[in-house]
Protein backbone atom coordinates (compact mmCIF):
# COMPACT_ATOMS: atom_id res chain seq x y z
CA MET A 1 90.98 119.71 95.47
CA GLN A 2 92.33 121.72 92.52
CA THR A 3 95.97 122.71 92.00
CA THR A 4 97.92 124.14 89.13
CA ILE A 5 99.14 120.59 88.35
CA PHE A 6 96.17 118.36 89.17
CA ASN A 7 92.54 119.05 88.46
CA PRO A 8 91.56 117.62 90.85
CA ALA A 9 94.33 116.22 93.08
CA PHE A 10 91.82 113.86 94.72
CA ASP A 11 88.11 113.28 94.88
CA ILE A 12 85.39 111.53 96.87
CA ALA A 13 82.90 109.05 95.48
CA LEU A 14 79.78 109.55 97.59
CA PRO A 15 76.83 107.19 97.94
CA ASP A 16 73.26 108.42 97.50
CA ALA A 17 73.03 108.28 101.30
CA VAL A 18 75.76 107.61 103.86
CA THR A 19 74.44 104.77 106.00
CA SER A 20 77.61 103.50 107.68
CA PRO A 21 80.46 104.91 109.78
CA LEU A 22 82.96 103.41 107.33
CA VAL A 23 85.19 105.62 105.20
CA LEU A 24 87.27 104.05 102.41
CA ASN A 25 90.55 105.68 101.45
CA SER A 26 92.84 104.86 98.50
CA PRO A 27 95.87 107.15 98.91
CA HIS A 28 98.31 105.36 96.58
CA SER A 29 96.23 104.58 93.47
CA GLY A 30 96.82 107.93 91.75
CA ARG A 31 97.95 107.58 88.15
CA VAL A 32 98.22 111.14 86.81
CA TYR A 33 101.89 111.88 86.15
CA PRO A 34 102.60 115.58 85.49
CA GLU A 35 104.95 116.38 82.62
CA ALA A 36 107.11 118.48 84.96
CA PHE A 37 107.55 115.49 87.27
CA LEU A 38 108.43 113.17 84.39
CA ALA A 39 111.01 115.72 83.23
CA GLN A 40 112.59 115.78 86.70
CA SER A 41 112.83 112.00 86.88
CA LYS A 42 115.50 109.83 85.34
CA LEU A 43 113.04 106.91 85.23
CA ASP A 44 110.53 106.05 82.53
CA PRO A 45 106.80 106.33 83.33
CA MET A 46 106.28 102.57 83.59
CA THR A 47 109.05 102.26 86.17
CA LEU A 48 107.59 105.13 88.18
CA ARG A 49 104.25 103.34 88.21
CA ARG A 50 105.76 100.39 90.08
CA SER A 51 105.08 102.22 93.34
CA GLU A 52 101.37 102.63 92.55
CA ASP A 53 98.65 100.69 94.26
CA ALA A 54 97.33 100.34 90.74
CA PHE A 55 93.54 100.11 90.32
CA VAL A 56 92.86 99.73 94.05
CA ASP A 57 90.35 102.58 93.88
CA ASN A 58 88.53 100.69 91.13
CA LEU A 59 88.53 97.49 93.18
CA PHE A 60 86.63 99.25 95.97
CA GLN A 61 84.42 101.43 93.76
CA ASP A 62 81.34 99.23 94.07
CA CYS A 63 81.52 99.39 97.87
CA VAL A 64 80.14 102.93 97.61
CA THR A 65 76.73 101.35 96.97
CA LEU A 66 76.87 100.07 100.57
CA GLY A 67 76.44 103.65 101.80
CA VAL A 68 80.17 104.24 102.24
CA PRO A 69 82.24 107.15 100.82
CA LEU A 70 85.47 106.43 98.94
CA MET A 71 88.28 108.99 98.87
CA ARG A 72 90.98 108.49 96.22
CA ALA A 73 94.15 110.25 95.16
CA HIS A 74 94.86 111.22 91.55
CA PHE A 75 98.46 112.29 92.21
CA PRO A 76 100.99 109.43 92.18
CA ARG A 77 102.62 108.09 95.29
CA ALA A 78 106.03 108.58 93.65
CA TRP A 79 105.30 112.35 93.60
CA LEU A 80 103.86 112.66 97.12
CA ASP A 81 103.04 110.07 99.78
CA VAL A 82 100.21 111.09 102.11
CA ASN A 83 100.76 107.94 104.19
CA ARG A 84 103.71 109.67 105.83
CA GLU A 85 104.17 112.49 108.31
CA PRO A 86 103.75 115.86 106.57
CA PHE A 87 107.47 116.69 106.66
CA GLU A 88 109.18 113.30 106.65
CA LEU A 89 111.92 114.43 104.28
CA ASP A 90 115.43 113.44 103.22
CA PRO A 91 117.70 116.52 103.25
CA ARG A 92 119.95 114.91 100.62
CA MET A 93 117.15 115.31 98.09
CA PHE A 94 116.79 119.08 98.28
CA ASP A 95 118.59 122.31 97.57
CA GLY A 96 117.95 124.61 100.49
CA ARG A 97 117.34 124.17 104.20
CA LEU A 98 114.43 122.07 105.38
CA PRO A 99 112.27 123.39 108.24
CA ALA A 100 113.71 122.70 111.67
CA PHE A 101 110.68 120.58 112.54
CA ALA A 102 111.14 118.21 109.58
CA ASN A 103 111.62 114.57 110.50
CA THR A 104 114.80 113.72 108.61
CA ARG A 105 115.81 110.59 110.53
CA SER A 106 112.90 108.20 110.36
CA LEU A 107 113.38 104.66 109.08
CA ARG A 108 111.14 105.53 106.13
CA VAL A 109 113.34 108.48 105.17
CA ALA A 110 116.43 106.29 105.51
CA GLY A 111 114.81 103.79 103.16
CA GLY A 112 114.04 106.46 100.56
CA LEU A 113 110.31 106.41 101.21
CA GLY A 114 109.55 109.72 102.86
CA THR A 115 106.75 112.18 102.16
CA ILE A 116 108.52 113.01 98.89
CA PRO A 117 109.95 109.59 97.97
CA ARG A 118 113.52 109.25 96.76
CA ILE A 119 113.12 105.77 95.26
CA VAL A 120 110.59 103.44 93.66
CA GLY A 121 110.64 99.68 93.16
CA GLU A 122 113.93 97.99 93.89
CA ALA A 123 115.71 101.08 95.24
CA GLN A 124 115.62 102.92 91.91
CA GLU A 125 116.39 106.61 92.37
CA ILE A 126 113.60 108.83 91.02
CA TYR A 127 115.29 112.18 90.48
CA ALA A 128 118.17 113.14 88.24
CA ARG A 129 119.11 116.05 90.49
CA ARG A 130 118.13 117.75 93.73
CA LEU A 131 114.76 119.47 94.06
CA PRO A 132 114.30 123.02 95.34
CA VAL A 133 113.15 122.81 98.95
CA GLU A 134 110.36 125.23 98.03
CA GLU A 135 108.88 122.59 95.76
CA ALA A 136 108.63 120.12 98.62
CA SER A 137 106.80 122.73 100.70
CA GLN A 138 104.48 123.49 97.81
CA ARG A 139 103.48 119.85 97.34
CA ILE A 140 102.80 119.53 101.05
CA ASP A 141 100.85 122.80 101.32
CA GLU A 142 98.81 122.39 98.13
CA VAL A 143 98.07 118.67 98.19
CA TYR A 144 99.16 116.83 101.36
CA LYS A 145 97.49 119.16 103.86
CA PRO A 146 94.20 119.52 101.93
CA TYR A 147 94.10 115.74 101.48
CA HIS A 148 94.28 115.12 105.20
CA ARG A 149 91.88 117.95 106.02
CA THR A 150 89.36 116.32 103.71
CA LEU A 151 89.96 112.81 105.01
CA ARG A 152 89.71 114.03 108.59
CA GLY A 153 86.48 115.77 107.65
CA LEU A 154 85.00 112.50 106.39
CA THR A 155 85.92 110.57 109.53
CA SER A 156 84.74 113.43 111.76
CA GLN A 157 81.40 113.51 109.97
CA ALA A 158 81.06 109.74 110.40
CA PHE A 159 81.76 110.12 114.11
CA LYS A 160 79.25 112.96 114.41
CA THR A 161 76.56 110.96 112.65
CA PHE A 162 77.13 107.47 114.07
CA GLY A 163 79.14 107.99 117.27
CA MET A 164 82.10 106.15 115.76
CA SER A 165 84.27 106.14 112.64
CA VAL A 166 85.96 103.27 110.81
CA LEU A 167 88.61 104.23 108.28
CA ILE A 168 89.56 101.47 105.85
CA ASP A 169 92.90 102.35 104.25
CA CYS A 170 93.13 100.46 100.95
CA HIS A 171 96.50 99.35 99.55
CA SER A 172 98.15 96.71 97.40
CA MET A 173 101.43 94.87 97.84
CA PRO A 174 103.74 93.31 95.25
CA SER A 175 103.76 89.53 95.17
CA SER A 176 107.50 89.80 95.84
CA ALA A 177 106.70 91.11 99.34
CA PHE A 178 107.00 87.55 100.58
CA ALA A 179 110.08 86.59 98.56
CA GLY A 180 112.81 84.94 100.58
CA ARG A 181 110.52 83.83 103.41
CA GLN A 182 110.69 80.14 104.20
CA GLY A 183 107.97 78.08 102.56
CA ASP A 184 104.44 79.42 102.28
CA LYS A 185 104.05 80.04 105.98
CA PHE A 186 104.28 83.79 105.57
CA LYS A 187 102.79 84.06 102.09
CA SER A 188 99.41 85.69 102.09
CA ASP A 189 96.78 87.10 99.76
CA PHE A 190 95.82 89.80 102.23
CA VAL A 191 97.54 91.50 105.14
CA LEU A 192 95.32 93.29 107.63
CA GLY A 193 97.15 96.01 109.55
CA ASP A 194 95.77 97.29 112.84
CA ARG A 195 99.06 98.37 114.45
CA TYR A 196 99.03 95.12 116.45
CA GLY A 197 95.61 95.88 117.90
CA ALA A 198 96.22 99.57 118.61
CA SER A 199 94.21 101.14 115.77
CA ALA A 200 90.97 99.12 115.51
CA ALA A 201 88.61 97.08 117.66
CA PRO A 202 89.34 93.37 117.26
CA GLN A 203 85.79 92.51 116.16
CA LEU A 204 86.18 94.74 113.09
CA VAL A 205 89.42 93.05 112.08
CA ASP A 206 87.89 89.65 112.84
CA ALA A 207 85.00 90.42 110.49
CA ALA A 208 87.39 91.28 107.67
CA GLU A 209 89.59 88.24 108.24
CA GLU A 210 86.74 85.76 108.57
CA THR A 211 85.00 86.99 105.43
CA LEU A 212 88.17 86.91 103.35
CA ARG A 213 88.93 83.40 104.57
CA GLN A 214 85.40 82.33 103.65
CA CYS A 215 86.13 83.64 100.16
CA GLY A 216 89.14 81.32 100.00
CA TYR A 217 92.00 83.75 100.67
CA GLN A 218 95.03 83.43 102.91
CA VAL A 219 95.10 86.25 105.44
CA GLN A 220 97.68 87.50 107.89
CA ARG A 221 97.68 90.32 110.40
CA ASN A 222 100.40 92.96 110.65
CA ARG A 223 103.14 90.93 108.93
CA PRO A 224 104.82 92.37 106.99
CA TYR A 225 102.55 95.47 107.04
CA ALA A 226 101.09 96.69 110.33
CA GLY A 227 99.76 99.98 108.98
CA GLY A 228 101.37 103.31 108.20
CA PHE A 229 100.95 106.92 109.23
CA ILE A 230 97.26 107.02 108.30
CA THR A 231 96.34 103.92 110.30
CA GLU A 232 98.31 105.18 113.27
CA SER A 233 96.92 108.71 113.12
CA TYR A 234 93.26 107.95 112.50
CA GLY A 235 92.88 104.90 114.74
CA ASN A 236 92.01 105.37 118.40
CA PRO A 237 89.62 102.62 119.47
CA ALA A 238 89.27 103.97 123.00
CA ALA A 239 87.75 107.10 121.45
CA HIS A 240 85.58 105.03 119.03
CA SER A 241 87.75 105.98 116.04
CA HIS A 242 89.04 102.92 114.22
CA ALA A 243 91.48 102.48 111.34
CA LEU A 244 92.31 99.29 109.46
CA GLN A 245 94.78 98.91 106.61
CA ILE A 246 94.04 96.32 103.94
CA GLU A 247 96.91 95.15 101.72
CA ILE A 248 96.00 93.08 98.65
CA ARG A 249 98.55 90.99 96.77
CA ARG A 250 98.68 92.49 93.29
CA ASP A 251 98.86 89.32 91.29
CA LEU A 252 95.37 88.45 92.57
CA TYR A 253 93.85 91.04 90.26
CA MET A 254 96.44 92.34 87.79
CA ASP A 255 99.42 91.56 85.61
CA GLU A 256 102.21 93.12 87.65
CA ARG A 257 104.58 93.36 84.68
CA LEU A 258 102.14 95.06 82.29
CA LEU A 259 100.18 96.90 85.01
CA GLN A 260 96.87 95.75 83.58
CA PRO A 261 93.82 94.29 85.35
CA SER A 262 93.46 90.53 84.95
CA GLU A 263 90.40 88.34 84.41
CA ARG A 264 90.19 87.87 88.21
CA PHE A 265 89.57 91.56 88.83
CA ALA A 266 85.76 91.37 88.98
CA THR A 267 85.80 88.37 91.32
CA LEU A 268 88.13 90.10 93.75
CA ALA A 269 86.07 93.30 93.63
CA ALA A 270 82.95 91.29 94.53
CA ASP A 271 84.79 89.61 97.42
CA LEU A 272 85.97 92.98 98.68
CA ARG A 273 82.42 94.30 98.58
CA ARG A 274 81.36 91.32 100.68
CA THR A 275 84.20 92.03 103.12
CA ILE A 276 83.36 95.72 103.49
CA ALA A 277 79.70 94.79 104.02
CA ALA A 278 80.75 92.44 106.84
CA ILE A 279 82.81 95.18 108.50
CA ALA A 280 79.90 97.61 108.13
CA ASP A 281 77.50 95.09 109.71
CA THR A 282 79.90 94.60 112.61
CA ALA A 283 80.21 98.35 113.08
CA ALA A 284 76.41 98.66 113.09
CA GLY A 285 76.29 96.09 115.86
CA MET A 286 78.78 98.14 117.86
CA ILE A 287 76.73 101.32 117.43
CA ALA A 288 73.44 99.87 118.66
CA PRO A 289 74.51 99.17 122.29
CA LYS A 290 76.06 102.63 122.53
CA ARG A 291 72.82 104.28 121.41
CA LEU A 292 70.72 102.20 123.80
CA ALA A 293 73.03 103.14 126.66
CA ALA A 294 72.57 106.83 125.82
CA GLU A 295 68.76 106.63 125.82
């Protein structure tokens, strides 16, 4: 996808041959910050980067060798969040009238985290002044909509080829996500989000959890992240379309203050490859009975 700002706005790492119904997606790891955006913001570039799922695309890169495509954003989440509804917008951010169909009252908008975010980090306001409403529409038309058309194309092709699709939405979470919770009961290295069972078959989530636990990680489901717009929109197990969100605690693989990969990066990447392989094997086992039944 090419725009006047990004070249490209996102891309797809394709394997030599697609051999699995899995599709990996990294929508928040973009780290190209346009000069015009930086000029609009009252925050420095390092502060803006606090909202990134930094290096998550790199963590999953080697999984492509398993026969799985990886889609990744180059635009930053602070500029546009594709894990939201297309017009989940805060009217206080814009000069001009938003479309009547815009969702201006969601909890995410109220929290400053709409399609065009208002804040990053600890409620730090991004913009020095209001944006023209036309700019919001342009970002959505030129990047958001093509992104989802492309992602939907990947999952549709997986379904056409294998009779099912499994979207793995790849994210990271700050280590502070568990701050204030009593003891270590809620602290986790990974959070698997399946919308409380609504977006993915349980055996797929089981495969991910069991493999991660075998690798020595603490894993929780749906708390505090059950999955966002992408997981909800692309997951429909009854129709053999599955979506699972994986959240990785950032201090497992990077220095959160300096935003630099740590010495544990390679180990985590290898463990993630093992986890994706386990999900792919489970999906293959789900495909076989369906094909036999059709013969």
